[in-house]
């Protein structure tokens, strides 16, 4: 049950991020956008790992890494 909830929450977070950036409520550089993508992807990775859905899991690992890289670069710029 928790595995399914993880997947559903992950999906909702990614959709909310997409809605916000598409509706110009946030920019793709916004920390909130990247965090929604990061945690959404992690939720889906947990779900897809359990169900052995390797292509979807790989996609979401890459999705999470992109969000994490963007967040880290953003932090590095703000410290400079």
PDB file of N, CA and C in Angstrom:
ATOM      1  N   UNK A   1       0.824  -1.200   0.000  1.00  0.00           N
ATOM      2  CA  UNK A   1       0.000   0.000   0.000  1.00  0.00           C
ATOM      3  C   UNK A   1       0.865   1.260   0.000  1.00  0.00           C
ATOM      4  N   UNK A   2       1.914   1.301   0.836  1.00  0.00           N
ATOM      5  CA  UNK A   2       2.785   2.480   0.876  1.00  0.00           C
ATOM      6  C   UNK A   2       3.520   2.697  -0.442  1.00  0.00           C
ATOM      7  N   UNK A   3       3.835   1.601  -1.121  1.00  0.00           N
ATOM      8  CA  UNK A   3       4.503   1.707  -2.425  1.00  0.00           C
ATOM      9  C   UNK A   3       3.584   2.404  -3.427  1.00  0.00           C
ATOM     10  N   UNK A   4       2.328   2.023  -3.435  1.00  0.00           N
ATOM     11  CA  UNK A   4       1.363   2.659  -4.339  1.00  0.00           C
ATOM     12  C   UNK A   4       1.165   4.129  -3.980  1.00  0.00           C
ATOM     13  N   UNK A   5       1.068   4.428  -2.711  1.00  0.00           N
ATOM     14  CA  UNK A   5       0.912   5.829  -2.273  1.00  0.00           C
ATOM     15  C   UNK A   5       2.110   6.654  -2.701  1.00  0.00           C
ATOM     16  N   UNK A   6       3.309   6.086  -2.571  1.00  0.00           N
ATOM     17  CA  UNK A   6       4.526   6.772  -3.001  1.00  0.00           C
ATOM     18  C   UNK A   6       4.458   7.144  -4.475  1.00  0.00           C
ATOM     19  N   UNK A   7       4.024   6.215  -5.293  1.00  0.00           N
ATOM     20  CA  UNK A   7       3.901   6.484  -6.725  1.00  0.00           C
ATOM     21  C   UNK A   7       2.869   7.551  -7.044  1.00  0.00           C
ATOM     22  N   UNK A   8       1.726   7.472  -6.381  1.00  0.00           N
ATOM     23  CA  UNK A   8       0.673   8.469  -6.617  1.00  0.00           C
ATOM     24  C   UNK A   8       1.102   9.861  -6.171  1.00  0.00           C
ATOM     25  N   UNK A   9       1.728   9.943  -5.001  1.00  0.00           N
ATOM     26  CA  UNK A   9       2.195  11.252  -4.522  1.00  0.00           C
ATOM     27  C   UNK A   9       3.266  11.802  -5.463  1.00  0.00           C
ATOM     28  N   UNK A  10       4.188  10.957  -5.891  1.00  0.00           N
ATOM     29  CA  UNK A  10       5.214  11.384  -6.840  1.00  0.00           C
ATOM     30  C   UNK A  10       4.618  11.921  -8.117  1.00  0.00           C
ATOM     31  N   UNK A  11       3.633  11.225  -8.639  1.00  0.00           N
ATOM     32  CA  UNK A  11       2.971  11.657  -9.866  1.00  0.00           C
ATOM     33  C   UNK A  11       2.296  13.009  -9.672  1.00  0.00           C
ATOM     34  N   UNK A  12       1.621  13.191  -8.547  1.00  0.00           N
ATOM     35  CA  UNK A  12       0.936  14.460  -8.270  1.00  0.00           C
ATOM     36  C   UNK A  12       1.957  15.600  -8.163  1.00  0.00           C
ATOM     37  N   UNK A  13       3.068  15.355  -7.469  1.00  0.00           N
ATOM     38  CA  UNK A  13       4.080  16.407  -7.321  1.00  0.00           C
ATOM     39  C   UNK A  13       4.639  16.849  -8.672  1.00  0.00           C
ATOM     40  N   UNK A  14       4.923  15.910  -9.540  1.00  0.00           N
ATOM     41  CA  UNK A  14       5.453  16.260 -10.859  1.00  0.00           C
ATOM     42  C   UNK A  14       4.404  16.999 -11.682  1.00  0.00           C
ATOM     43  N   UNK A  15       3.153  16.571 -11.604  1.00  0.00           N
ATOM     44  CA  UNK A  15       2.093  17.280 -12.324  1.00  0.00           C
ATOM     45  C   UNK A  15       1.883  18.700 -11.791  1.00  0.00           C
ATOM     46  N   UNK A  16       1.959  18.875 -10.487  1.00  0.00           N
ATOM     47  CA  UNK A  16       1.839  20.213  -9.901  1.00  0.00           C
ATOM     48  C   UNK A  16       2.982  21.090 -10.393  1.00  0.00           C
ATOM     49  N   UNK A  17       4.196  20.550 -10.404  1.00  0.00           N
ATOM     50  CA  UNK A  17       5.346  21.313 -10.910  1.00  0.00           C
ATOM     51  C   UNK A  17       5.117  21.730 -12.358  1.00  0.00           C
ATOM     52  N   UNK A  18       4.664  20.813 -13.175  1.00  0.00           N
ATOM     53  CA  UNK A  18       4.410  21.107 -14.584  1.00  0.00           C
ATOM     54  C   UNK A  18       3.314  22.165 -14.738  1.00  0.00           C
ATOM     55  N   UNK A  19       2.256  22.043 -13.956  1.00  0.00           N
ATOM     56  CA  UNK A  19       1.166  23.016 -13.989  1.00  0.00           C
ATOM     57  C   UNK A  19       1.673  24.403 -13.611  1.00  0.00           C
ATOM     58  N   UNK A  20       2.456  24.477 -12.557  1.00  0.00           N
ATOM     59  CA  UNK A  20       2.955  25.774 -12.087  1.00  0.00           C
ATOM     60  C   UNK A  20       3.863  26.454 -13.103  1.00  0.00           C
ATOM     61  N   UNK A  21       4.752  25.693 -13.708  1.00  0.00           N
ATOM     62  CA  UNK A  21       5.660  26.298 -14.687  1.00  0.00           C
ATOM     63  C   UNK A  21       4.921  26.603 -15.995  1.00  0.00           C
ATOM     64  N   UNK A  22       3.987  25.756 -16.375  1.00  0.00           N
ATOM     65  CA  UNK A  22       3.219  26.008 -17.604  1.00  0.00           C
ATOM     66  C   UNK A  22       2.300  27.209 -17.453  1.00  0.00           C
ATOM     67  N   UNK A  23       1.761  27.397 -16.257  1.00  0.00           N
ATOM     68  CA  UNK A  23       0.886  28.530 -15.987  1.00  0.00           C
ATOM     69  C   UNK A  23       1.636  29.788 -15.598  1.00  0.00           C
ATOM     70  N   UNK A  24       2.964  29.730 -15.689  1.00  0.00           N
ATOM     71  CA  UNK A  24       3.828  30.869 -15.377  1.00  0.00           C
ATOM     72  C   UNK A  24       3.646  31.357 -13.934  1.00  0.00           C
ATOM     73  N   UNK A  25       3.296  30.429 -13.049  1.00  0.00           N
ATOM     74  CA  UNK A  25       3.196  30.744 -11.618  1.00  0.00           C
ATOM     75  C   UNK A  25       4.588  30.724 -10.982  1.00  0.00           C
ATOM     76  N   UNK A  26       5.473  29.894 -11.533  1.00  0.00           N
ATOM     77  CA  UNK A  26       6.882  29.838 -11.131  1.00  0.00           C
ATOM     78  C   UNK A  26       7.711  29.682 -12.397  1.00  0.00           C
ATOM     79  N   UNK A  27       9.015  29.925 -12.271  1.00  0.00           N
ATOM     80  CA  UNK A  27       9.924  29.685 -13.395  1.00  0.00           C
ATOM     81  C   UNK A  27      10.610  28.348 -13.188  1.00  0.00           C
ATOM     82  N   UNK A  28      11.240  27.861 -14.233  1.00  0.00           N
ATOM     83  CA  UNK A  28      11.951  26.583 -14.111  1.00  0.00           C
ATOM     84  C   UNK A  28      13.159  26.693 -13.188  1.00  0.00           C
ATOM     85  N   UNK A  29      13.593  27.905 -12.897  1.00  0.00           N
ATOM     86  CA  UNK A  29      14.703  28.094 -11.967  1.00  0.00           C
ATOM     87  C   UNK A  29      14.249  28.115 -10.505  1.00  0.00           C
ATOM     88  N   UNK A  30      12.955  28.193 -10.268  1.00  0.00           N
ATOM     89  CA  UNK A  30      12.439  28.301  -8.897  1.00  0.00           C
ATOM     90  C   UNK A  30      12.789  27.059  -8.084  1.00  0.00           C
ATOM     91  N   UNK A  31      13.198  27.300  -6.860  1.00  0.00           N
ATOM     92  CA  UNK A  31      13.540  26.196  -5.957  1.00  0.00           C
ATOM     93  C   UNK A  31      12.338  25.276  -5.755  1.00  0.00           C
ATOM     94  N   UNK A  32      11.157  25.852  -5.620  1.00  0.00           N
ATOM     95  CA  UNK A  32       9.951  25.040  -5.401  1.00  0.00           C
ATOM     96  C   UNK A  32       9.696  24.104  -6.580  1.00  0.00           C
ATOM     97  N   UNK A  33       9.918  24.587  -7.785  1.00  0.00           N
ATOM     98  CA  UNK A  33       9.721  23.757  -8.982  1.00  0.00           C
ATOM     99  C   UNK A  33      10.675  22.566  -8.978  1.00  0.00           C
ATOM    100  N   UNK A  34      11.935  22.844  -8.676  1.00  0.00           N
ATOM    101  CA  UNK A  34      12.932  21.776  -8.678  1.00  0.00           C
ATOM    102  C   UNK A  34      12.691  20.782  -7.540  1.00  0.00           C
ATOM    103  N   UNK A  35      12.271  21.271  -6.378  1.00  0.00           N
ATOM    104  CA  UNK A  35      11.981  20.366  -5.259  1.00  0.00           C
ATOM    105  C   UNK A  35      10.771  19.477  -5.547  1.00  0.00           C
ATOM    106  N   UNK A  36       9.748  20.042  -6.179  1.00  0.00           N
ATOM    107  CA  UNK A  36       8.587  19.231  -6.564  1.00  0.00           C
ATOM    108  C   UNK A  36       9.016  18.121  -7.525  1.00  0.00           C
ATOM    109  N   UNK A  37       9.851  18.467  -8.497  1.00  0.00           N
ATOM    110  CA  UNK A  37      10.341  17.465  -9.443  1.00  0.00           C
ATOM    111  C   UNK A  37      11.205  16.416  -8.751  1.00  0.00           C
ATOM    112  N   UNK A  38      12.094  16.857  -7.866  1.00  0.00           N
ATOM    113  CA  UNK A  38      12.981  15.932  -7.168  1.00  0.00           C
ATOM    114  C   UNK A  38      12.191  14.934  -6.321  1.00  0.00           C
ATOM    115  N   UNK A  39      11.316  15.431  -5.461  1.00  0.00           N
ATOM    116  CA  UNK A  39      10.575  14.524  -4.581  1.00  0.00           C
ATOM    117  C   UNK A  39       9.523  13.716  -5.338  1.00  0.00           C
ATOM    118  N   UNK A  40       8.972  14.293  -6.390  1.00  0.00           N
ATOM    119  CA  UNK A  40       8.049  13.543  -7.233  1.00  0.00           C
ATOM    120  C   UNK A  40       8.744  12.369  -7.899  1.00  0.00           C
ATOM    121  N   UNK A  41       9.921  12.626  -8.443  1.00  0.00           N
ATOM    122  CA  UNK A  41      10.679  11.557  -9.103  1.00  0.00           C
ATOM    123  C   UNK A  41      11.085  10.477  -8.106  1.00  0.00           C
ATOM    124  N   UNK A  42      11.494  10.874  -6.914  1.00  0.00           N
ATOM    125  CA  UNK A  42      11.871   9.890  -5.899  1.00  0.00           C
ATOM    126  C   UNK A  42      10.674   8.994  -5.551  1.00  0.00           C
ATOM    127  N   UNK A  43       9.497   9.593  -5.403  1.00  0.00           N
ATOM    128  CA  UNK A  43       8.307   8.796  -5.123  1.00  0.00           C
ATOM    129  C   UNK A  43       8.010   7.790  -6.220  1.00  0.00           C
ATOM    130  N   UNK A  44       8.180   8.208  -7.439  1.00  0.00           N
ATOM    131  CA  UNK A  44       7.928   7.298  -8.566  1.00  0.00           C
ATOM    132  C   UNK A  44       9.014   6.234  -8.660  1.00  0.00           C
ATOM    133  N   UNK A  45      10.265   6.596  -8.355  1.00  0.00           N
ATOM    134  CA  UNK A  45      11.347   5.598  -8.365  1.00  0.00           C
ATOM    135  C   UNK A  45      11.052   4.485  -7.359  1.00  0.00           C
ATOM    136  N   UNK A  46      10.605   4.847  -6.173  1.00  0.00           N
ATOM    137  CA  UNK A  46      10.268   3.837  -5.159  1.00  0.00           C
ATOM    138  C   UNK A  46       9.203   2.886  -5.709  1.00  0.00           C
ATOM    139  N   UNK A  47       8.184   3.453  -6.313  1.00  0.00           N
ATOM    140  CA  UNK A  47       7.084   2.654  -6.852  1.00  0.00           C
ATOM    141  C   UNK A  47       7.552   1.766  -8.009  1.00  0.00           C
ATOM    142  N   UNK A  48       8.280   2.337  -8.935  1.00  0.00           N
ATOM    143  CA  UNK A  48       8.683   1.576 -10.120  1.00  0.00           C
ATOM    144  C   UNK A  48       9.739   0.526  -9.796  1.00  0.00           C
ATOM    145  N   UNK A  49      10.556   0.772  -8.788  1.00  0.00           N
ATOM    146  CA  UNK A  49      11.523  -0.242  -8.351  1.00  0.00           C
ATOM    147  C   UNK A  49      10.775  -1.465  -7.811  1.00  0.00           C
ATOM    148  N   UNK A  50       9.786  -1.220  -6.988  1.00  0.00           N
ATOM    149  CA  UNK A  50       9.007  -2.310  -6.408  1.00  0.00           C
ATOM    150  C   UNK A  50       8.333  -3.148  -7.490  1.00  0.00           C
ATOM    151  N   UNK A  51       7.783  -2.489  -8.495  1.00  0.00           N
ATOM    152  CA  UNK A  51       7.074  -3.185  -9.566  1.00  0.00           C
ATOM    153  C   UNK A  51       7.971  -3.582 -10.734  1.00  0.00           C
ATOM    154  N   UNK A  52       9.264  -3.307 -10.597  1.00  0.00           N
ATOM    155  CA  UNK A  52      10.258  -3.666 -11.614  1.00  0.00           C
ATOM    156  C   UNK A  52       9.950  -3.057 -12.979  1.00  0.00           C
ATOM    157  N   UNK A  53       9.524  -1.823 -12.954  1.00  0.00           N
ATOM    158  CA  UNK A  53       9.255  -1.083 -14.186  1.00  0.00           C
ATOM    159  C   UNK A  53      10.520  -0.284 -14.513  1.00  0.00           C
ATOM    160  N   UNK A  54      11.509  -0.983 -15.054  1.00  0.00           N
ATOM    161  CA  UNK A  54      12.848  -0.421 -15.222  1.00  0.00           C
ATOM    162  C   UNK A  54      12.906   0.824 -16.104  1.00  0.00           C
ATOM    163  N   UNK A  55      12.220   0.880 -17.236  1.00  0.00           N
ATOM    164  CA  UNK A  55      12.293   2.108 -18.048  1.00  0.00           C
ATOM    165  C   UNK A  55      11.766   3.338 -17.301  1.00  0.00           C
ATOM    166  N   UNK A  56      10.638   3.204 -16.637  1.00  0.00           N
ATOM    167  CA  UNK A  56      10.069   4.323 -15.886  1.00  0.00           C
ATOM    168  C   UNK A  56      10.966   4.683 -14.699  1.00  0.00           C
ATOM    169  N   UNK A  57      11.562   3.684 -14.073  1.00  0.00           N
ATOM    170  CA  UNK A  57      12.463   3.947 -12.966  1.00  0.00           C
ATOM    171  C   UNK A  57      13.691   4.722 -13.444  1.00  0.00           C
ATOM    172  N   UNK A  58      14.261   4.301 -14.569  1.00  0.00           N
ATOM    173  CA  UNK A  58      15.437   4.981 -15.120  1.00  0.00           C
ATOM    174  C   UNK A  58      15.107   6.430 -15.472  1.00  0.00           C
ATOM    175  N   UNK A  59      13.975   6.649 -16.118  1.00  0.00           N
ATOM    176  CA  UNK A  59      13.546   8.002 -16.456  1.00  0.00           C
ATOM    177  C   UNK A  59      13.472   8.872 -15.211  1.00  0.00           C
ATOM    178  N   UNK A  60      12.904   8.362 -14.141  1.00  0.00           N
ATOM    179  CA  UNK A  60      12.727   9.160 -12.942  1.00  0.00           C
ATOM    180  C   UNK A  60      14.006   9.333 -12.142  1.00  0.00           C
ATOM    181  N   UNK A  61      14.935   8.402 -12.237  1.00  0.00           N
ATOM    182  CA  UNK A  61      16.260   8.609 -11.637  1.00  0.00           C
ATOM    183  C   UNK A  61      16.949   9.777 -12.331  1.00  0.00           C
ATOM    184  N   UNK A  62      16.908   9.790 -13.652  1.00  0.00           N
ATOM    185  CA  UNK A  62      17.514  10.892 -14.407  1.00  0.00           C
ATOM    186  C   UNK A  62      16.790  12.201 -14.082  1.00  0.00           C
ATOM    187  N   UNK A  63      15.477  12.171 -14.012  1.00  0.00           N
ATOM    188  CA  UNK A  63      14.663  13.347 -13.679  1.00  0.00           C
ATOM    189  C   UNK A  63      15.091  13.919 -12.326  1.00  0.00           C
ATOM    190  N   UNK A  64      15.262  13.032 -11.338  1.00  0.00           N
ATOM    191  CA  UNK A  64      15.678  13.454  -9.995  1.00  0.00           C
ATOM    192  C   UNK A  64      17.093  14.018 -10.010  1.00  0.00           C
ATOM    193  N   UNK A  65      17.982  13.397 -10.767  1.00  0.00           N
ATOM    194  CA  UNK A  65      19.362  13.892 -10.845  1.00  0.00           C
ATOM    195  C   UNK A  65      19.427  15.272 -11.485  1.00  0.00           C
ATOM    196  N   UNK A  66      18.621  15.508 -12.500  1.00  0.00           N
ATOM    197  CA  UNK A  66      18.579  16.832 -13.134  1.00  0.00           C
ATOM    198  C   UNK A  66      18.093  17.872 -12.127  1.00  0.00           C
ATOM    199  N   UNK A  67      17.044  17.560 -11.402  1.00  0.00           N
ATOM    200  CA  UNK A  67      16.518  18.489 -10.397  1.00  0.00           C
ATOM    201  C   UNK A  67      17.557  18.740  -9.313  1.00  0.00           C
ATOM    202  N   UNK A  68      18.224  17.689  -8.861  1.00  0.00           N
ATOM    203  CA  UNK A  68      19.238  17.832  -7.816  1.00  0.00           C
ATOM    204  C   UNK A  68      20.410  18.680  -8.304  1.00  0.00           C
ATOM    205  N   UNK A  69      20.862  18.424  -9.515  1.00  0.00           N
ATOM    206  CA  UNK A  69      21.963  19.212 -10.092  1.00  0.00           C
ATOM    207  C   UNK A  69      21.572  20.687 -10.173  1.00  0.00           C
ATOM    208  N   UNK A  70      20.372  20.964 -10.633  1.00  0.00           N
ATOM    209  CA  UNK A  70      19.898  22.337 -10.749  1.00  0.00           C
ATOM    210  C   UNK A  70      19.848  23.006  -9.383  1.00  0.00           C
ATOM    211  N   UNK A  71      19.354  22.295  -8.369  1.00  0.00           N
ATOM    212  CA  UNK A  71      19.303  22.846  -7.018  1.00  0.00           C
ATOM    213  C   UNK A  71      20.701  23.127  -6.468  1.00  0.00           C
ATOM    214  N   UNK A  72      21.626  22.209  -6.695  1.00  0.00           N
ATOM    215  CA  UNK A  72      22.988  22.392  -6.191  1.00  0.00           C
ATOM    216  C   UNK A  72      23.692  23.548  -6.892  1.00  0.00           C
ATOM    217  N   UNK A  73      23.507  23.670  -8.207  1.00  0.00           N
ATOM    218  CA  UNK A  73      24.109  24.793  -8.944  1.00  0.00           C
ATOM    219  C   UNK A  73      23.516  26.111  -8.481  1.00  0.00           C
ATOM    220  N   UNK A  74      22.228  26.114  -8.206  1.00  0.00           N
ATOM    221  CA  UNK A  74      21.545  27.305  -7.730  1.00  0.00           C
ATOM    222  C   UNK A  74      22.109  27.745  -6.375  1.00  0.00           C
ATOM    223  N   UNK A  75      22.326  26.774  -5.490  1.00  0.00           N
ATOM    224  CA  UNK A  75      22.887  27.061  -4.172  1.00  0.00           C
ATOM    225  C   UNK A  75      24.319  27.586  -4.289  1.00  0.00           C
ATOM    226  N   UNK A  76      25.082  26.988  -5.176  1.00  0.00           N
ATOM    227  CA  UNK A  76      26.463  27.406  -5.373  1.00  0.00           C
ATOM    228  C   UNK A  76      26.522  28.846  -5.861  1.00  0.00           C
ATOM    229  N   UNK A  77      25.612  29.195  -6.783  1.00  0.00           N
ATOM    230  CA  UNK A  77      25.569  30.576  -7.298  1.00  0.00           C
ATOM    231  C   UNK A  77      25.197  31.547  -6.205  1.00  0.00           C
ATOM    232  N   UNK A  78      24.267  31.163  -5.337  1.00  0.00           N
ATOM    233  CA  UNK A  78      23.820  32.073  -4.280  1.00  0.00           C
ATOM    234  C   UNK A  78      24.900  32.273  -3.220  1.00  0.00           C
ATOM    235  N   UNK A  79      25.805  31.300  -3.066  1.00  0.00           N
ATOM    236  CA  UNK A  79      26.895  31.432  -2.104  1.00  0.00           C
ATOM    237  C   UNK A  79      28.040  32.289  -2.642  1.00  0.00           C
ATOM    238  N   UNK A  80      28.090  32.433  -3.961  1.00  0.00           N
ATOM    239  CA  UNK A  80      29.184  33.204  -4.581  1.00  0.00           C
ATOM    240  C   UNK A  80      28.985  34.693  -4.436  1.00  0.00           C
TER     241      UNK A  80
END
